[in-house]
Amino acid sequence: MTEYIATFHTHLSAMRTQRALANLGVSARLAPVPRYLSASCGTCVLYTAKQPFLERMDADVERVVERLPQGETFVELLTHL
């Protein structure tokens, strides 16, 4: 399983995406955005899955990154800045 972080321009978009992922059976939770990723709305969705489910992101998604095993190293998967 891979860890992903999705950031959003609005809190509502983060909530919608968390619900959409949960409805697919994905372990997803709302959390504060790590400062080194974004200042956006301040809320991100942390989720663990076999795939990033980019098509399930709300339209107001800012970016989706994959967390690498080294810790605070990421691979950019989607950016809408």
N, C-alpha and C. Protein backbone atom coordinates (compact mmCIF):
# COMPACT_ATOMS: atom_id res chain seq x y z
N MET A 1 0.85 -1.18 0.00
CA MET A 1 0.00 0.00 0.00
C MET A 1 0.89 1.24 0.00
N THR A 2 0.36 2.29 -0.59
CA THR A 2 1.10 3.54 -0.72
C THR A 2 0.36 4.65 0.02
N GLU A 3 1.12 5.56 0.63
CA GLU A 3 0.52 6.70 1.32
C GLU A 3 0.47 7.89 0.37
N TYR A 4 -0.68 8.58 0.34
CA TYR A 4 -0.87 9.75 -0.50
C TYR A 4 -1.36 10.91 0.35
N ILE A 5 -1.06 12.12 -0.11
CA ILE A 5 -1.58 13.34 0.50
C ILE A 5 -2.19 14.18 -0.61
N ALA A 6 -3.45 14.56 -0.43
CA ALA A 6 -4.14 15.43 -1.38
C ALA A 6 -4.45 16.75 -0.69
N THR A 7 -4.05 17.87 -1.31
CA THR A 7 -4.35 19.19 -0.76
C THR A 7 -5.40 19.86 -1.64
N PHE A 8 -6.11 20.81 -1.06
CA PHE A 8 -7.25 21.42 -1.74
C PHE A 8 -7.27 22.92 -1.52
N HIS A 9 -7.97 23.62 -2.41
CA HIS A 9 -8.14 25.07 -2.27
C HIS A 9 -9.21 25.39 -1.23
N THR A 10 -10.15 24.45 -0.99
CA THR A 10 -11.22 24.70 -0.02
C THR A 10 -11.40 23.49 0.91
N HIS A 11 -11.86 23.77 2.11
CA HIS A 11 -12.13 22.72 3.09
C HIS A 11 -13.24 21.79 2.60
N LEU A 12 -14.26 22.36 1.95
CA LEU A 12 -15.38 21.56 1.44
C LEU A 12 -14.90 20.51 0.43
N SER A 13 -13.98 20.88 -0.44
CA SER A 13 -13.44 19.92 -1.41
C SER A 13 -12.70 18.78 -0.71
N ALA A 14 -11.97 19.11 0.34
CA ALA A 14 -11.27 18.06 1.10
C ALA A 14 -12.29 17.10 1.71
N MET A 15 -13.36 17.63 2.27
CA MET A 15 -14.40 16.77 2.87
C MET A 15 -15.07 15.90 1.82
N ARG A 16 -15.37 16.47 0.65
CA ARG A 16 -16.01 15.69 -0.42
C ARG A 16 -15.10 14.55 -0.88
N THR A 17 -13.83 14.83 -1.03
CA THR A 17 -12.89 13.80 -1.48
C THR A 17 -12.72 12.71 -0.43
N GLN A 18 -12.63 13.10 0.82
CA GLN A 18 -12.50 12.11 1.90
C GLN A 18 -13.70 11.16 1.87
N ARG A 19 -14.89 11.71 1.70
CA ARG A 19 -16.11 10.87 1.64
C ARG A 19 -16.08 9.96 0.42
N ALA A 20 -15.68 10.49 -0.74
CA ALA A 20 -15.64 9.69 -1.97
C ALA A 20 -14.67 8.52 -1.82
N LEU A 21 -13.51 8.77 -1.23
CA LEU A 21 -12.54 7.69 -1.02
C LEU A 21 -13.05 6.68 0.00
N ALA A 22 -13.65 7.16 1.08
CA ALA A 22 -14.20 6.25 2.10
C ALA A 22 -15.28 5.36 1.50
N ASN A 23 -16.09 5.90 0.59
CA ASN A 23 -17.14 5.11 -0.07
C ASN A 23 -16.56 3.99 -0.93
N LEU A 24 -15.30 4.15 -1.35
CA LEU A 24 -14.61 3.10 -2.11
C LEU A 24 -13.91 2.09 -1.20
N GLY A 25 -14.00 2.31 0.10
CA GLY A 25 -13.34 1.43 1.05
C GLY A 25 -11.89 1.80 1.33
N VAL A 26 -11.49 3.01 0.91
CA VAL A 26 -10.12 3.48 1.12
C VAL A 26 -10.02 4.12 2.50
N SER A 27 -8.96 3.82 3.22
CA SER A 27 -8.72 4.44 4.52
C SER A 27 -8.25 5.88 4.27
N ALA A 28 -9.13 6.85 4.55
CA ALA A 28 -8.83 8.27 4.28
C ALA A 28 -9.28 9.11 5.46
N ARG A 29 -8.45 10.12 5.80
CA ARG A 29 -8.83 11.00 6.91
C ARG A 29 -8.41 12.43 6.61
N LEU A 30 -9.14 13.37 7.20
CA LEU A 30 -8.80 14.78 7.09
C LEU A 30 -7.69 15.09 8.09
N ALA A 31 -6.77 15.96 7.71
CA ALA A 31 -5.66 16.33 8.59
C ALA A 31 -5.15 17.71 8.20
N PRO A 32 -4.39 18.36 9.08
CA PRO A 32 -3.76 19.63 8.71
C PRO A 32 -2.74 19.41 7.59
N VAL A 33 -2.64 20.36 6.68
CA VAL A 33 -1.68 20.25 5.58
C VAL A 33 -0.27 20.50 6.11
N PRO A 34 0.68 19.62 5.79
CA PRO A 34 2.07 19.91 6.15
C PRO A 34 2.52 21.20 5.47
N ARG A 35 3.12 22.12 6.21
CA ARG A 35 3.51 23.43 5.69
C ARG A 35 4.42 23.36 4.46
N TYR A 36 5.27 22.33 4.40
CA TYR A 36 6.19 22.23 3.27
C TYR A 36 5.49 21.82 1.98
N LEU A 37 4.20 21.43 2.06
CA LEU A 37 3.44 21.09 0.86
C LEU A 37 2.58 22.24 0.36
N SER A 38 1.93 22.95 1.28
CA SER A 38 0.99 23.99 0.86
C SER A 38 0.49 24.77 2.06
N ALA A 39 -0.06 25.93 1.77
CA ALA A 39 -0.75 26.71 2.80
C ALA A 39 -2.24 26.71 2.50
N SER A 40 -2.62 26.38 1.30
CA SER A 40 -4.00 26.30 0.80
C SER A 40 -5.07 26.55 1.84
N CYS A 41 -6.05 25.67 1.94
CA CYS A 41 -7.14 25.85 2.91
C CYS A 41 -6.74 25.35 4.29
N GLY A 42 -5.62 24.67 4.38
CA GLY A 42 -5.15 24.17 5.67
C GLY A 42 -5.57 22.75 5.98
N THR A 43 -6.41 22.14 5.12
CA THR A 43 -6.88 20.78 5.34
C THR A 43 -6.47 19.90 4.17
N CYS A 44 -5.97 18.71 4.46
CA CYS A 44 -5.63 17.76 3.41
C CYS A 44 -6.31 16.44 3.70
N VAL A 45 -6.26 15.54 2.72
CA VAL A 45 -6.75 14.18 2.91
C VAL A 45 -5.53 13.27 2.87
N LEU A 46 -5.32 12.53 3.94
CA LEU A 46 -4.27 11.52 4.00
C LEU A 46 -4.94 10.18 3.73
N TYR A 47 -4.41 9.42 2.77
CA TYR A 47 -5.03 8.12 2.50
C TYR A 47 -3.99 7.11 2.06
N THR A 48 -4.32 5.85 2.30
CA THR A 48 -3.46 4.73 1.95
C THR A 48 -4.23 3.84 0.99
N ALA A 49 -3.63 3.56 -0.17
CA ALA A 49 -4.31 2.77 -1.18
C ALA A 49 -3.29 2.15 -2.13
N LYS A 50 -3.75 1.24 -2.99
CA LYS A 50 -2.88 0.63 -3.99
C LYS A 50 -2.70 1.54 -5.20
N GLN A 51 -3.62 2.49 -5.38
CA GLN A 51 -3.55 3.44 -6.49
C GLN A 51 -3.97 4.82 -5.98
N PRO A 52 -3.63 5.90 -6.70
CA PRO A 52 -3.91 7.24 -6.18
C PRO A 52 -5.36 7.72 -6.33
N PHE A 53 -6.20 7.05 -7.13
CA PHE A 53 -7.60 7.45 -7.32
C PHE A 53 -7.72 8.92 -7.71
N LEU A 54 -6.88 9.39 -8.64
CA LEU A 54 -6.91 10.79 -9.07
C LEU A 54 -8.27 11.19 -9.63
N GLU A 55 -8.96 10.25 -10.26
CA GLU A 55 -10.28 10.55 -10.85
C GLU A 55 -11.34 10.80 -9.78
N ARG A 56 -11.08 10.45 -8.54
CA ARG A 56 -12.03 10.66 -7.44
C ARG A 56 -11.80 11.97 -6.69
N MET A 57 -10.78 12.73 -7.09
CA MET A 57 -10.51 14.00 -6.43
C MET A 57 -11.57 15.03 -6.81
N ASP A 58 -11.97 15.85 -5.86
CA ASP A 58 -12.91 16.93 -6.13
C ASP A 58 -12.25 17.91 -7.11
N ALA A 59 -13.07 18.66 -7.84
CA ALA A 59 -12.57 19.58 -8.86
C ALA A 59 -11.64 20.65 -8.29
N ASP A 60 -11.75 20.94 -7.01
CA ASP A 60 -10.95 21.99 -6.39
C ASP A 60 -9.66 21.46 -5.76
N VAL A 61 -9.19 20.30 -6.25
CA VAL A 61 -7.94 19.73 -5.73
C VAL A 61 -6.78 20.64 -6.11
N GLU A 62 -5.84 20.80 -5.21
CA GLU A 62 -4.65 21.61 -5.48
C GLU A 62 -3.51 20.72 -5.97
N ARG A 63 -3.22 19.66 -5.22
CA ARG A 63 -2.17 18.73 -5.62
C ARG A 63 -2.35 17.39 -4.90
N VAL A 64 -1.77 16.34 -5.51
CA VAL A 64 -1.73 15.01 -4.90
C VAL A 64 -0.29 14.55 -4.98
N VAL A 65 0.23 14.10 -3.85
CA VAL A 65 1.60 13.60 -3.80
C VAL A 65 1.63 12.21 -3.18
N GLU A 66 2.62 11.45 -3.58
CA GLU A 66 2.87 10.13 -2.99
C GLU A 66 4.02 10.27 -2.01
N ARG A 67 3.81 9.80 -0.80
CA ARG A 67 4.88 9.86 0.22
C ARG A 67 5.82 8.68 0.00
N LEU A 68 7.10 8.98 -0.13
CA LEU A 68 8.10 7.93 -0.32
C LEU A 68 8.54 7.37 1.03
N PRO A 69 9.07 6.16 1.05
CA PRO A 69 9.45 5.52 2.31
C PRO A 69 10.48 6.32 3.13
N GLN A 70 11.23 7.22 2.51
CA GLN A 70 12.25 7.98 3.23
C GLN A 70 11.66 8.98 4.21
N GLY A 71 10.36 9.17 4.21
CA GLY A 71 9.74 10.10 5.16
C GLY A 71 9.14 11.31 4.47
N GLU A 72 9.80 12.46 4.62
CA GLU A 72 9.24 13.69 4.07
C GLU A 72 9.72 13.95 2.65
N THR A 73 9.78 12.91 1.84
CA THR A 73 10.11 13.01 0.43
C THR A 73 8.87 12.58 -0.35
N PHE A 74 8.55 13.34 -1.41
CA PHE A 74 7.30 13.10 -2.13
C PHE A 74 7.51 13.07 -3.63
N VAL A 75 6.59 12.39 -4.31
CA VAL A 75 6.52 12.39 -5.76
C VAL A 75 5.22 13.10 -6.12
N GLU A 76 5.32 14.13 -6.94
CA GLU A 76 4.15 14.90 -7.38
C GLU A 76 3.37 14.07 -8.39
N LEU A 77 2.07 13.85 -8.16
CA LEU A 77 1.24 13.09 -9.08
C LEU A 77 0.26 13.97 -9.84
N LEU A 78 -0.17 15.07 -9.22
CA LEU A 78 -1.17 15.95 -9.83
C LEU A 78 -0.99 17.33 -9.23
N THR A 79 -1.00 18.37 -10.08
CA THR A 79 -0.89 19.74 -9.58
C THR A 79 -1.86 20.64 -10.32
N HIS A 80 -2.68 21.38 -9.59
CA HIS A 80 -3.60 22.40 -10.11
C HIS A 80 -3.42 23.65 -9.27
N LEU A 81 -2.29 24.28 -9.36
CA LEU A 81 -2.01 25.45 -8.52
C LEU A 81 -2.64 26.68 -9.05
